[in-house]
């Protein structure tokens, strides 16, 4: 595993054959920057998932809601 990291690759750890962790080499002096980047990427993924779910919920609501039936649009 250490050889993979020193060559610039990442290592994926699995649990029951499902990805559970990503191990990457962190260059000296860039730990804080790497951690911040990972957190930002995770936040963006969560935000995109929330947006997709909200769009799906709105789409379902609009398909059931008709102005003639008392729904406010």
PDB file of N, CA and C in Angstrom:
ATOM      1  N   UNK A   1       0.828  -1.184   0.000  1.00  0.00           N
ATOM      2  CA  UNK A   1       0.000   0.000   0.000  1.00  0.00           C
ATOM      3  C   UNK A   1       0.874   1.251   0.000  1.00  0.00           C
ATOM      4  N   UNK A   2       1.933   1.230   0.763  1.00  0.00           N
ATOM      5  CA  UNK A   2       2.816   2.398   0.841  1.00  0.00           C
ATOM      6  C   UNK A   2       3.440   2.692  -0.519  1.00  0.00           C
ATOM      7  N   UNK A   3       3.760   1.667  -1.258  1.00  0.00           N
ATOM      8  CA  UNK A   3       4.346   1.881  -2.590  1.00  0.00           C
ATOM      9  C   UNK A   3       3.348   2.571  -3.511  1.00  0.00           C
ATOM     10  N   UNK A   4       2.074   2.193  -3.421  1.00  0.00           N
ATOM     11  CA  UNK A   4       1.047   2.833  -4.237  1.00  0.00           C
ATOM     12  C   UNK A   4       0.925   4.312  -3.891  1.00  0.00           C
ATOM     13  N   UNK A   5       1.009   4.631  -2.602  1.00  0.00           N
ATOM     14  CA  UNK A   5       0.873   6.020  -2.175  1.00  0.00           C
ATOM     15  C   UNK A   5       2.067   6.853  -2.601  1.00  0.00           C
ATOM     16  N   UNK A   6       3.261   6.296  -2.505  1.00  0.00           N
ATOM     17  CA  UNK A   6       4.445   7.072  -2.876  1.00  0.00           C
ATOM     18  C   UNK A   6       4.534   7.288  -4.386  1.00  0.00           C
ATOM     19  N   UNK A   7       3.852   6.442  -5.150  1.00  0.00           N
ATOM     20  CA  UNK A   7       3.861   6.632  -6.602  1.00  0.00           C
ATOM     21  C   UNK A   7       2.778   7.624  -7.040  1.00  0.00           C
ATOM     22  N   UNK A   8       2.052   8.190  -6.083  1.00  0.00           N
ATOM     23  CA  UNK A   8       1.044   9.190  -6.415  1.00  0.00           C
ATOM     24  C   UNK A   8      -0.351   8.641  -6.573  1.00  0.00           C
ATOM     25  N   UNK A   9      -0.509   7.337  -6.433  1.00  0.00           N
ATOM     26  CA  UNK A   9      -1.829   6.724  -6.554  1.00  0.00           C
ATOM     27  C   UNK A   9      -2.572   6.803  -5.229  1.00  0.00           C
ATOM     28  N   UNK A  10      -3.836   6.490  -5.279  1.00  0.00           N
ATOM     29  CA  UNK A  10      -4.610   6.388  -4.058  1.00  0.00           C
ATOM     30  C   UNK A  10      -4.977   4.929  -3.823  1.00  0.00           C
ATOM     31  N   UNK A  11      -5.332   4.618  -2.594  1.00  0.00           N
ATOM     32  CA  UNK A  11      -5.718   3.267  -2.230  1.00  0.00           C
ATOM     33  C   UNK A  11      -7.149   3.325  -1.709  1.00  0.00           C
ATOM     34  N   UNK A  12      -7.983   2.434  -2.199  1.00  0.00           N
ATOM     35  CA  UNK A  12      -9.375   2.370  -1.760  1.00  0.00           C
ATOM     36  C   UNK A  12      -9.519   1.178  -0.827  1.00  0.00           C
ATOM     37  N   UNK A  13      -9.984   1.449   0.387  1.00  0.00           N
ATOM     38  CA  UNK A  13     -10.249   0.393   1.355  1.00  0.00           C
ATOM     39  C   UNK A  13     -11.713   0.001   1.243  1.00  0.00           C
ATOM     40  N   UNK A  14     -11.973  -1.294   1.345  1.00  0.00           N
ATOM     41  CA  UNK A  14     -13.339  -1.776   1.215  1.00  0.00           C
ATOM     42  C   UNK A  14     -13.792  -2.500   2.476  1.00  0.00           C
ATOM     43  N   UNK A  15     -15.102  -2.550   2.648  1.00  0.00           N
ATOM     44  CA  UNK A  15     -15.722  -3.294   3.724  1.00  0.00           C
ATOM     45  C   UNK A  15     -16.858  -4.080   3.090  1.00  0.00           C
ATOM     46  N   UNK A  16     -16.784  -5.389   3.159  1.00  0.00           N
ATOM     47  CA  UNK A  16     -17.763  -6.249   2.487  1.00  0.00           C
ATOM     48  C   UNK A  16     -17.857  -5.917   1.001  1.00  0.00           C
ATOM     49  N   UNK A  17     -16.700  -5.709   0.407  1.00  0.00           N
ATOM     50  CA  UNK A  17     -16.573  -5.443  -1.031  1.00  0.00           C
ATOM     51  C   UNK A  17     -17.201  -4.124  -1.472  1.00  0.00           C
ATOM     52  N   UNK A  18     -17.425  -3.202  -0.519  1.00  0.00           N
ATOM     53  CA  UNK A  18     -17.940  -1.872  -0.847  1.00  0.00           C
ATOM     54  C   UNK A  18     -16.903  -0.841  -0.428  1.00  0.00           C
ATOM     55  N   UNK A  19     -16.665   0.179  -1.244  1.00  0.00           N
ATOM     56  CA  UNK A  19     -15.685   1.205  -0.871  1.00  0.00           C
ATOM     57  C   UNK A  19     -16.076   1.872   0.440  1.00  0.00           C
ATOM     58  N   UNK A  20     -15.112   2.015   1.348  1.00  0.00           N
ATOM     59  CA  UNK A  20     -15.421   2.654   2.627  1.00  0.00           C
ATOM     60  C   UNK A  20     -14.428   3.753   2.989  1.00  0.00           C
ATOM     61  N   UNK A  21     -13.249   3.761   2.363  1.00  0.00           N
ATOM     62  CA  UNK A  21     -12.265   4.798   2.674  1.00  0.00           C
ATOM     63  C   UNK A  21     -11.318   4.967   1.492  1.00  0.00           C
ATOM     64  N   UNK A  22     -10.828   6.185   1.375  1.00  0.00           N
ATOM     65  CA  UNK A  22      -9.857   6.515   0.345  1.00  0.00           C
ATOM     66  C   UNK A  22      -8.593   6.993   1.048  1.00  0.00           C
ATOM     67  N   UNK A  23      -7.492   6.349   0.774  1.00  0.00           N
ATOM     68  CA  UNK A  23      -6.215   6.725   1.380  1.00  0.00           C
ATOM     69  C   UNK A  23      -5.374   7.392   0.299  1.00  0.00           C
ATOM     70  N   UNK A  24      -4.921   8.608   0.596  1.00  0.00           N
ATOM     71  CA  UNK A  24      -4.116   9.353  -0.377  1.00  0.00           C
ATOM     72  C   UNK A  24      -2.820   9.813   0.278  1.00  0.00           C
ATOM     73  N   UNK A  25      -1.842  10.036  -0.534  1.00  0.00           N
ATOM     74  CA  UNK A  25      -0.580  10.589  -0.056  1.00  0.00           C
ATOM     75  C   UNK A  25      -0.769  12.091   0.142  1.00  0.00           C
ATOM     76  N   UNK A  26      -0.344  12.586   1.280  1.00  0.00           N
ATOM     77  CA  UNK A  26      -0.455  14.020   1.551  1.00  0.00           C
ATOM     78  C   UNK A  26       0.948  14.601   1.538  1.00  0.00           C
ATOM     79  N   UNK A  27       1.232  15.437   0.552  1.00  0.00           N
ATOM     80  CA  UNK A  27       2.560  16.044   0.484  1.00  0.00           C
ATOM     81  C   UNK A  27       2.845  16.880   1.731  1.00  0.00           C
ATOM     82  N   UNK A  28       4.090  16.904   2.105  1.00  0.00           N
ATOM     83  CA  UNK A  28       4.512  17.649   3.290  1.00  0.00           C
ATOM     84  C   UNK A  28       4.088  19.109   3.183  1.00  0.00           C
ATOM     85  N   UNK A  29       3.488  19.617   4.244  1.00  0.00           N
ATOM     86  CA  UNK A  29       3.094  21.013   4.294  1.00  0.00           C
ATOM     87  C   UNK A  29       1.741  21.328   3.689  1.00  0.00           C
ATOM     88  N   UNK A  30       1.011  20.309   3.214  1.00  0.00           N
ATOM     89  CA  UNK A  30      -0.283  20.604   2.584  1.00  0.00           C
ATOM     90  C   UNK A  30      -1.448  19.902   3.265  1.00  0.00           C
ATOM     91  N   UNK A  31      -1.257  19.449   4.494  1.00  0.00           N
ATOM     92  CA  UNK A  31      -2.318  18.706   5.183  1.00  0.00           C
ATOM     93  C   UNK A  31      -3.598  19.527   5.300  1.00  0.00           C
ATOM     94  N   UNK A  32      -3.503  20.746   5.802  1.00  0.00           N
ATOM     95  CA  UNK A  32      -4.698  21.574   5.999  1.00  0.00           C
ATOM     96  C   UNK A  32      -5.425  21.834   4.684  1.00  0.00           C
ATOM     97  N   UNK A  33      -4.681  22.090   3.634  1.00  0.00           N
ATOM     98  CA  UNK A  33      -5.276  22.353   2.322  1.00  0.00           C
ATOM     99  C   UNK A  33      -5.994  21.111   1.790  1.00  0.00           C
ATOM    100  N   UNK A  34      -5.389  19.947   1.962  1.00  0.00           N
ATOM    101  CA  UNK A  34      -6.003  18.703   1.502  1.00  0.00           C
ATOM    102  C   UNK A  34      -7.283  18.431   2.279  1.00  0.00           C
ATOM    103  N   UNK A  35      -7.241  18.582   3.599  1.00  0.00           N
ATOM    104  CA  UNK A  35      -8.432  18.349   4.424  1.00  0.00           C
ATOM    105  C   UNK A  35      -9.548  19.310   4.027  1.00  0.00           C
ATOM    106  N   UNK A  36      -9.224  20.577   3.822  1.00  0.00           N
ATOM    107  CA  UNK A  36     -10.217  21.562   3.415  1.00  0.00           C
ATOM    108  C   UNK A  36     -10.819  21.189   2.063  1.00  0.00           C
ATOM    109  N   UNK A  37     -10.006  20.741   1.136  1.00  0.00           N
ATOM    110  CA  UNK A  37     -10.494  20.363  -0.190  1.00  0.00           C
ATOM    111  C   UNK A  37     -11.428  19.160  -0.117  1.00  0.00           C
ATOM    112  N   UNK A  38     -11.085  18.182   0.695  1.00  0.00           N
ATOM    113  CA  UNK A  38     -11.933  16.995   0.848  1.00  0.00           C
ATOM    114  C   UNK A  38     -13.268  17.388   1.472  1.00  0.00           C
ATOM    115  N   UNK A  39     -13.228  18.218   2.505  1.00  0.00           N
ATOM    116  CA  UNK A  39     -14.474  18.657   3.143  1.00  0.00           C
ATOM    117  C   UNK A  39     -15.343  19.451   2.176  1.00  0.00           C
ATOM    118  N   UNK A  40     -14.725  20.296   1.374  1.00  0.00           N
ATOM    119  CA  UNK A  40     -15.472  21.081   0.398  1.00  0.00           C
ATOM    120  C   UNK A  40     -16.120  20.166  -0.645  1.00  0.00           C
ATOM    121  N   UNK A  41     -15.383  19.164  -1.095  1.00  0.00           N
ATOM    122  CA  UNK A  41     -15.930  18.227  -2.079  1.00  0.00           C
ATOM    123  C   UNK A  41     -17.112  17.455  -1.491  1.00  0.00           C
ATOM    124  N   UNK A  42     -16.990  17.013  -0.242  1.00  0.00           N
ATOM    125  CA  UNK A  42     -18.091  16.297   0.409  1.00  0.00           C
ATOM    126  C   UNK A  42     -19.310  17.202   0.570  1.00  0.00           C
ATOM    127  N   UNK A  43     -19.093  18.461   0.908  1.00  0.00           N
ATOM    128  CA  UNK A  43     -20.198  19.406   1.061  1.00  0.00           C
ATOM    129  C   UNK A  43     -20.897  19.640  -0.276  1.00  0.00           C
ATOM    130  N   UNK A  44     -20.130  19.751  -1.340  1.00  0.00           N
ATOM    131  CA  UNK A  44     -20.718  19.958  -2.669  1.00  0.00           C
ATOM    132  C   UNK A  44     -21.554  18.749  -3.091  1.00  0.00           C
ATOM    133  N   UNK A  45     -21.077  17.569  -2.798  1.00  0.00           N
ATOM    134  CA  UNK A  45     -21.842  16.352  -3.119  1.00  0.00           C
ATOM    135  C   UNK A  45     -23.154  16.345  -2.342  1.00  0.00           C
ATOM    136  N   UNK A  46     -23.094  16.678  -1.042  1.00  0.00           N
ATOM    137  CA  UNK A  46     -24.309  16.717  -0.224  1.00  0.00           C
ATOM    138  C   UNK A  46     -25.287  17.759  -0.757  1.00  0.00           C
ATOM    139  N   UNK A  47     -24.794  18.927  -1.122  1.00  0.00           N
ATOM    140  CA  UNK A  47     -25.653  19.988  -1.657  1.00  0.00           C
ATOM    141  C   UNK A  47     -26.302  19.558  -2.967  1.00  0.00           C
ATOM    142  N   UNK A  48     -25.525  18.954  -3.847  1.00  0.00           N
ATOM    143  CA  UNK A  48     -26.079  18.476  -5.119  1.00  0.00           C
ATOM    144  C   UNK A  48     -27.155  17.420  -4.892  1.00  0.00           C
ATOM    145  N   UNK A  49     -26.937  16.532  -3.914  1.00  0.00           N
ATOM    146  CA  UNK A  49     -27.942  15.512  -3.594  1.00  0.00           C
ATOM    147  C   UNK A  49     -29.215  16.155  -3.050  1.00  0.00           C
ATOM    148  N   UNK A  50     -29.070  17.176  -2.192  1.00  0.00           N
ATOM    149  CA  UNK A  50     -30.243  17.872  -1.655  1.00  0.00           C
ATOM    150  C   UNK A  50     -31.003  18.580  -2.762  1.00  0.00           C
ATOM    151  N   UNK A  51     -30.281  19.210  -3.679  1.00  0.00           N
ATOM    152  CA  UNK A  51     -30.937  19.899  -4.801  1.00  0.00           C
ATOM    153  C   UNK A  51     -31.701  18.908  -5.682  1.00  0.00           C
ATOM    154  N   UNK A  52     -31.093  17.784  -5.955  1.00  0.00           N
ATOM    155  CA  UNK A  52     -31.748  16.772  -6.791  1.00  0.00           C
ATOM    156  C   UNK A  52     -33.005  16.244  -6.103  1.00  0.00           C
ATOM    157  N   UNK A  53     -32.922  15.994  -4.808  1.00  0.00           N
ATOM    158  CA  UNK A  53     -34.080  15.504  -4.070  1.00  0.00           C
ATOM    159  C   UNK A  53     -35.186  16.564  -4.031  1.00  0.00           C
ATOM    160  N   UNK A  54     -34.818  17.829  -3.834  1.00  0.00           N
ATOM    161  CA  UNK A  54     -35.808  18.913  -3.816  1.00  0.00           C
ATOM    162  C   UNK A  54     -36.480  19.047  -5.178  1.00  0.00           C
ATOM    163  N   UNK A  55     -35.709  18.939  -6.245  1.00  0.00           N
ATOM    164  CA  UNK A  55     -36.281  19.033  -7.588  1.00  0.00           C
ATOM    165  C   UNK A  55     -37.242  17.880  -7.840  1.00  0.00           C
ATOM    166  N   UNK A  56     -36.876  16.691  -7.379  1.00  0.00           N
ATOM    167  CA  UNK A  56     -37.741  15.523  -7.548  1.00  0.00           C
ATOM    168  C   UNK A  56     -39.031  15.688  -6.748  1.00  0.00           C
ATOM    169  N   UNK A  57     -38.938  16.188  -5.530  1.00  0.00           N
ATOM    170  CA  UNK A  57     -40.112  16.405  -4.689  1.00  0.00           C
ATOM    171  C   UNK A  57     -41.027  17.451  -5.308  1.00  0.00           C
ATOM    172  N   UNK A  58     -40.437  18.535  -5.794  1.00  0.00           N
ATOM    173  CA  UNK A  58     -41.234  19.592  -6.435  1.00  0.00           C
ATOM    174  C   UNK A  58     -41.916  19.063  -7.687  1.00  0.00           C
ATOM    175  N   UNK A  59     -41.206  18.253  -8.445  1.00  0.00           N
ATOM    176  CA  UNK A  59     -41.772  17.695  -9.673  1.00  0.00           C
ATOM    177  C   UNK A  59     -42.965  16.806  -9.346  1.00  0.00           C
ATOM    178  N   UNK A  60     -42.831  15.982  -8.292  1.00  0.00           N
ATOM    179  CA  UNK A  60     -43.946  15.132  -7.891  1.00  0.00           C
ATOM    180  C   UNK A  60     -45.131  15.976  -7.409  1.00  0.00           C
ATOM    181  N   UNK A  61     -44.843  17.015  -6.631  1.00  0.00           N
ATOM    182  CA  UNK A  61     -45.902  17.891  -6.121  1.00  0.00           C
ATOM    183  C   UNK A  61     -46.642  18.556  -7.273  1.00  0.00           C
ATOM    184  N   UNK A  62     -45.898  19.076  -8.226  1.00  0.00           N
ATOM    185  CA  UNK A  62     -46.530  19.769  -9.340  1.00  0.00           C
ATOM    186  C   UNK A  62     -47.345  18.828 -10.215  1.00  0.00           C
ATOM    187  N   UNK A  63     -46.941  17.577 -10.317  1.00  0.00           N
ATOM    188  CA  UNK A  63     -47.695  16.641 -11.140  1.00  0.00           C
ATOM    189  C   UNK A  63     -49.027  16.265 -10.491  1.00  0.00           C
ATOM    190  N   UNK A  64     -49.108  16.326  -9.152  1.00  0.00           N
ATOM    191  CA  UNK A  64     -50.352  16.012  -8.453  1.00  0.00           C
ATOM    192  C   UNK A  64     -51.210  17.243  -8.191  1.00  0.00           C
ATOM    193  N   UNK A  65     -50.606  18.393  -8.182  1.00  0.00           N
ATOM    194  CA  UNK A  65     -51.301  19.612  -7.801  1.00  0.00           C
ATOM    195  C   UNK A  65     -51.841  20.313  -9.045  1.00  0.00           C
ATOM    196  N   UNK A  66     -53.127  20.492  -9.065  1.00  0.00           N
ATOM    197  CA  UNK A  66     -53.770  21.200 -10.168  1.00  0.00           C
ATOM    198  C   UNK A  66     -54.461  22.439  -9.603  1.00  0.00           C
ATOM    199  N   UNK A  67     -54.307  23.604 -10.221  1.00  0.00           N
ATOM    200  CA  UNK A  67     -54.949  24.822  -9.704  1.00  0.00           C
ATOM    201  C   UNK A  67     -56.462  24.662  -9.510  1.00  0.00           C
ATOM    202  N   UNK A  68     -57.120  23.859 -10.354  1.00  0.00           N
ATOM    203  CA  UNK A  68     -58.562  23.660 -10.243  1.00  0.00           C
ATOM    204  C   UNK A  68     -58.963  22.937  -8.963  1.00  0.00           C
ATOM    205  N   UNK A  69     -58.004  22.279  -8.316  1.00  0.00           N
ATOM    206  CA  UNK A  69     -58.294  21.496  -7.116  1.00  0.00           C
ATOM    207  C   UNK A  69     -57.828  22.197  -5.844  1.00  0.00           C
ATOM    208  N   UNK A  70     -57.621  23.486  -5.907  1.00  0.00           N
ATOM    209  CA  UNK A  70     -57.301  24.250  -4.713  1.00  0.00           C
ATOM    210  C   UNK A  70     -55.846  24.327  -4.338  1.00  0.00           C
ATOM    211  N   UNK A  71     -54.953  23.898  -5.191  1.00  0.00           N
ATOM    212  CA  UNK A  71     -53.531  24.009  -4.896  1.00  0.00           C
ATOM    213  C   UNK A  71     -53.045  25.415  -5.289  1.00  0.00           C
ATOM    214  N   UNK A  72     -52.274  26.007  -4.418  1.00  0.00           N
ATOM    215  CA  UNK A  72     -51.700  27.322  -4.723  1.00  0.00           C
ATOM    216  C   UNK A  72     -50.362  27.138  -5.415  1.00  0.00           C
ATOM    217  N   UNK A  73     -50.253  27.667  -6.609  1.00  0.00           N
ATOM    218  CA  UNK A  73     -48.987  27.570  -7.333  1.00  0.00           C
ATOM    219  C   UNK A  73     -48.324  28.917  -7.396  1.00  0.00           C
TER     220      UNK A  73
END
